[in-house]
Amino acid sequence: MSDNRPDLSTLTGPQLVRTFLAEIDKPRTTPAERAAFFDFKARVFAALAERNGDPEAFKAAERARADRDRILAGLAADEARNGGAL
């Protein structure tokens, strides 16, 4: 995920979609990598929703944030169970 630009505002709608599609099939083996992908997905769909006023893109961004938050909560719980170290 480090190849992704942190600022997606410079990309056009089609560029956002291509950037997102390029990330879909990359392997993610850790919960942190999956959380980073869902964060990226949320940012892409939020940018699309903001530009187009598309309620479906807004919903997709919200779902991606919820998935990210669920994964991060699991990581925090695992860390707490392990005394602060994963």
C-alpha atoms as a PDB file:
ATOM      1  CA  MET A   1       0.000   0.000   0.000  1.00  0.00           C
ATOM      2  CA  SER A   2       2.992   2.303   0.237  1.00  0.00           C
ATOM      3  CA  ASP A   3       2.748   2.982  -3.521  1.00  0.00           C
ATOM      4  CA  ASN A   4      -0.550   4.781  -3.018  1.00  0.00           C
ATOM      5  CA  ARG A   5      -0.617   8.521  -2.908  1.00  0.00           C
ATOM      6  CA  PRO A   6      -1.813   9.833   0.438  1.00  0.00           C
ATOM      7  CA  ASP A   7      -3.553  12.707  -1.388  1.00  0.00           C
ATOM      8  CA  LEU A   8      -6.035  11.380  -3.901  1.00  0.00           C
ATOM      9  CA  SER A   9      -7.438  14.827  -4.661  1.00  0.00           C
ATOM     10  CA  THR A  10      -5.203  15.271  -7.711  1.00  0.00           C
ATOM     11  CA  LEU A  11      -6.588  12.181  -9.451  1.00  0.00           C
ATOM     12  CA  THR A  12      -9.526  12.272 -11.828  1.00  0.00           C
ATOM     13  CA  GLY A  13     -12.483   9.934 -11.322  1.00  0.00           C
ATOM     14  CA  PRO A  14     -11.200   7.393 -13.868  1.00  0.00           C
ATOM     15  CA  GLN A  15      -7.714   7.577 -12.333  1.00  0.00           C
ATOM     16  CA  LEU A  16      -9.184   6.897  -8.900  1.00  0.00           C
ATOM     17  CA  VAL A  17     -10.997   3.845 -10.226  1.00  0.00           C
ATOM     18  CA  ARG A  18      -7.873   2.546 -11.988  1.00  0.00           C
ATOM     19  CA  THR A  19      -5.791   3.100  -8.848  1.00  0.00           C
ATOM     20  CA  PHE A  20      -8.342   1.217  -6.774  1.00  0.00           C
ATOM     21  CA  LEU A  21      -8.613  -1.662  -9.258  1.00  0.00           C
ATOM     22  CA  ALA A  22      -4.825  -2.004  -9.316  1.00  0.00           C
ATOM     23  CA  GLU A  23      -4.889  -2.629  -5.557  1.00  0.00           C
ATOM     24  CA  ILE A  24      -7.700  -5.175  -5.359  1.00  0.00           C
ATOM     25  CA  ASP A  25      -5.775  -8.353  -6.139  1.00  0.00           C
ATOM     26  CA  LYS A  26      -2.593  -7.579  -4.239  1.00  0.00           C
ATOM     27  CA  PRO A  27      -2.004 -10.089  -1.443  1.00  0.00           C
ATOM     28  CA  ARG A  28      -2.604  -8.895   2.086  1.00  0.00           C
ATOM     29  CA  THR A  29      -1.444 -11.387   4.656  1.00  0.00           C
ATOM     30  CA  THR A  30      -1.656  -9.434   7.880  1.00  0.00           C
ATOM     31  CA  PRO A  31      -4.556  -7.672   9.555  1.00  0.00           C
ATOM     32  CA  ALA A  32      -2.600  -4.413   9.375  1.00  0.00           C
ATOM     33  CA  GLU A  33      -2.259  -4.777   5.594  1.00  0.00           C
ATOM     34  CA  ARG A  34      -5.977  -5.496   5.272  1.00  0.00           C
ATOM     35  CA  ALA A  35      -6.812  -2.482   7.446  1.00  0.00           C
ATOM     36  CA  ALA A  36      -4.557  -0.300   5.278  1.00  0.00           C
ATOM     37  CA  PHE A  37      -6.369  -1.520   2.161  1.00  0.00           C
ATOM     38  CA  PHE A  38      -9.787  -0.738   3.628  1.00  0.00           C
ATOM     39  CA  ASP A  39      -8.519   2.699   4.633  1.00  0.00           C
ATOM     40  CA  PHE A  40      -7.345   3.265   1.055  1.00  0.00           C
ATOM     41  CA  LYS A  41     -10.673   1.985  -0.288  1.00  0.00           C
ATOM     42  CA  ALA A  42     -12.566   4.368   2.004  1.00  0.00           C
ATOM     43  CA  ARG A  43     -10.465   7.307   0.812  1.00  0.00           C
ATOM     44  CA  VAL A  44     -11.029   6.422  -2.866  1.00  0.00           C
ATOM     45  CA  PHE A  45     -14.787   6.079  -2.492  1.00  0.00           C
ATOM     46  CA  ALA A  46     -15.006   9.179  -0.313  1.00  0.00           C
ATOM     47  CA  ALA A  47     -13.211  11.147  -3.035  1.00  0.00           C
ATOM     48  CA  LEU A  48     -15.610   9.785  -5.658  1.00  0.00           C
ATOM     49  CA  ALA A  49     -18.616  10.601  -3.477  1.00  0.00           C
ATOM     50  CA  GLU A  50     -17.349  14.104  -2.819  1.00  0.00           C
ATOM     51  CA  ARG A  51     -16.795  14.837  -6.498  1.00  0.00           C
ATOM     52  CA  ASN A  52     -19.946  13.291  -7.875  1.00  0.00           C
ATOM     53  CA  GLY A  53     -22.345  13.518  -4.958  1.00  0.00           C
ATOM     54  CA  ASP A  54     -22.913   9.786  -5.448  1.00  0.00           C
ATOM     55  CA  PRO A  55     -24.726   8.271  -2.450  1.00  0.00           C
ATOM     56  CA  GLU A  56     -23.581   4.761  -3.407  1.00  0.00           C
ATOM     57  CA  ALA A  57     -19.934   5.827  -3.322  1.00  0.00           C
ATOM     58  CA  PHE A  58     -20.574   7.410   0.068  1.00  0.00           C
ATOM     59  CA  LYS A  59     -22.058   4.110   1.329  1.00  0.00           C
ATOM     60  CA  ALA A  60     -19.086   2.174  -0.042  1.00  0.00           C
ATOM     61  CA  ALA A  61     -16.710   4.528   1.800  1.00  0.00           C
ATOM     62  CA  GLU A  62     -18.657   4.043   5.041  1.00  0.00           C
ATOM     63  CA  ARG A  63     -18.566   0.239   4.663  1.00  0.00           C
ATOM     64  CA  ALA A  64     -14.816   0.330   4.013  1.00  0.00           C
ATOM     65  CA  ARG A  65     -14.292   2.481   7.129  1.00  0.00           C
ATOM     66  CA  ALA A  66     -16.374   0.033   9.162  1.00  0.00           C
ATOM     67  CA  ASP A  67     -14.280  -2.883   7.866  1.00  0.00           C
ATOM     68  CA  ARG A  68     -11.075  -0.991   8.676  1.00  0.00           C
ATOM     69  CA  ASP A  69     -12.322  -0.140  12.163  1.00  0.00           C
ATOM     70  CA  ARG A  70     -13.370  -3.753  12.802  1.00  0.00           C
ATOM     71  CA  ILE A  71      -9.908  -5.006  11.847  1.00  0.00           C
ATOM     72  CA  LEU A  72      -8.169  -2.340  13.915  1.00  0.00           C
ATOM     73  CA  ALA A  73     -10.360  -3.167  16.921  1.00  0.00           C
ATOM     74  CA  GLY A  74      -9.335  -6.804  16.559  1.00  0.00           C
ATOM     75  CA  LEU A  75      -5.682  -5.790  16.426  1.00  0.00           C
ATOM     76  CA  ALA A  76      -6.081  -3.666  19.550  1.00  0.00           C
ATOM     77  CA  ALA A  77      -7.792  -6.533  21.351  1.00  0.00           C
ATOM     78  CA  ASP A  78      -5.013  -8.933  20.330  1.00  0.00           C
ATOM     79  CA  GLU A  79      -2.406  -6.462  21.512  1.00  0.00           C
ATOM     80  CA  ALA A  80      -4.151  -6.041  24.868  1.00  0.00           C
ATOM     81  CA  ARG A  81      -4.353  -9.814  25.321  1.00  0.00           C
ATOM     82  CA  ASN A  82      -0.646 -10.096  24.577  1.00  0.00           C
ATOM     83  CA  GLY A  83       0.337  -7.415  27.042  1.00  0.00           C
ATOM     84  CA  GLY A  84       0.955  -4.744  24.441  1.00  0.00           C
ATOM     85  CA  ALA A  85       3.049  -6.753  21.992  1.00  0.00           C
ATOM     86  CA  LEU A  86       1.839  -8.557  18.908  1.00  0.00           C
END
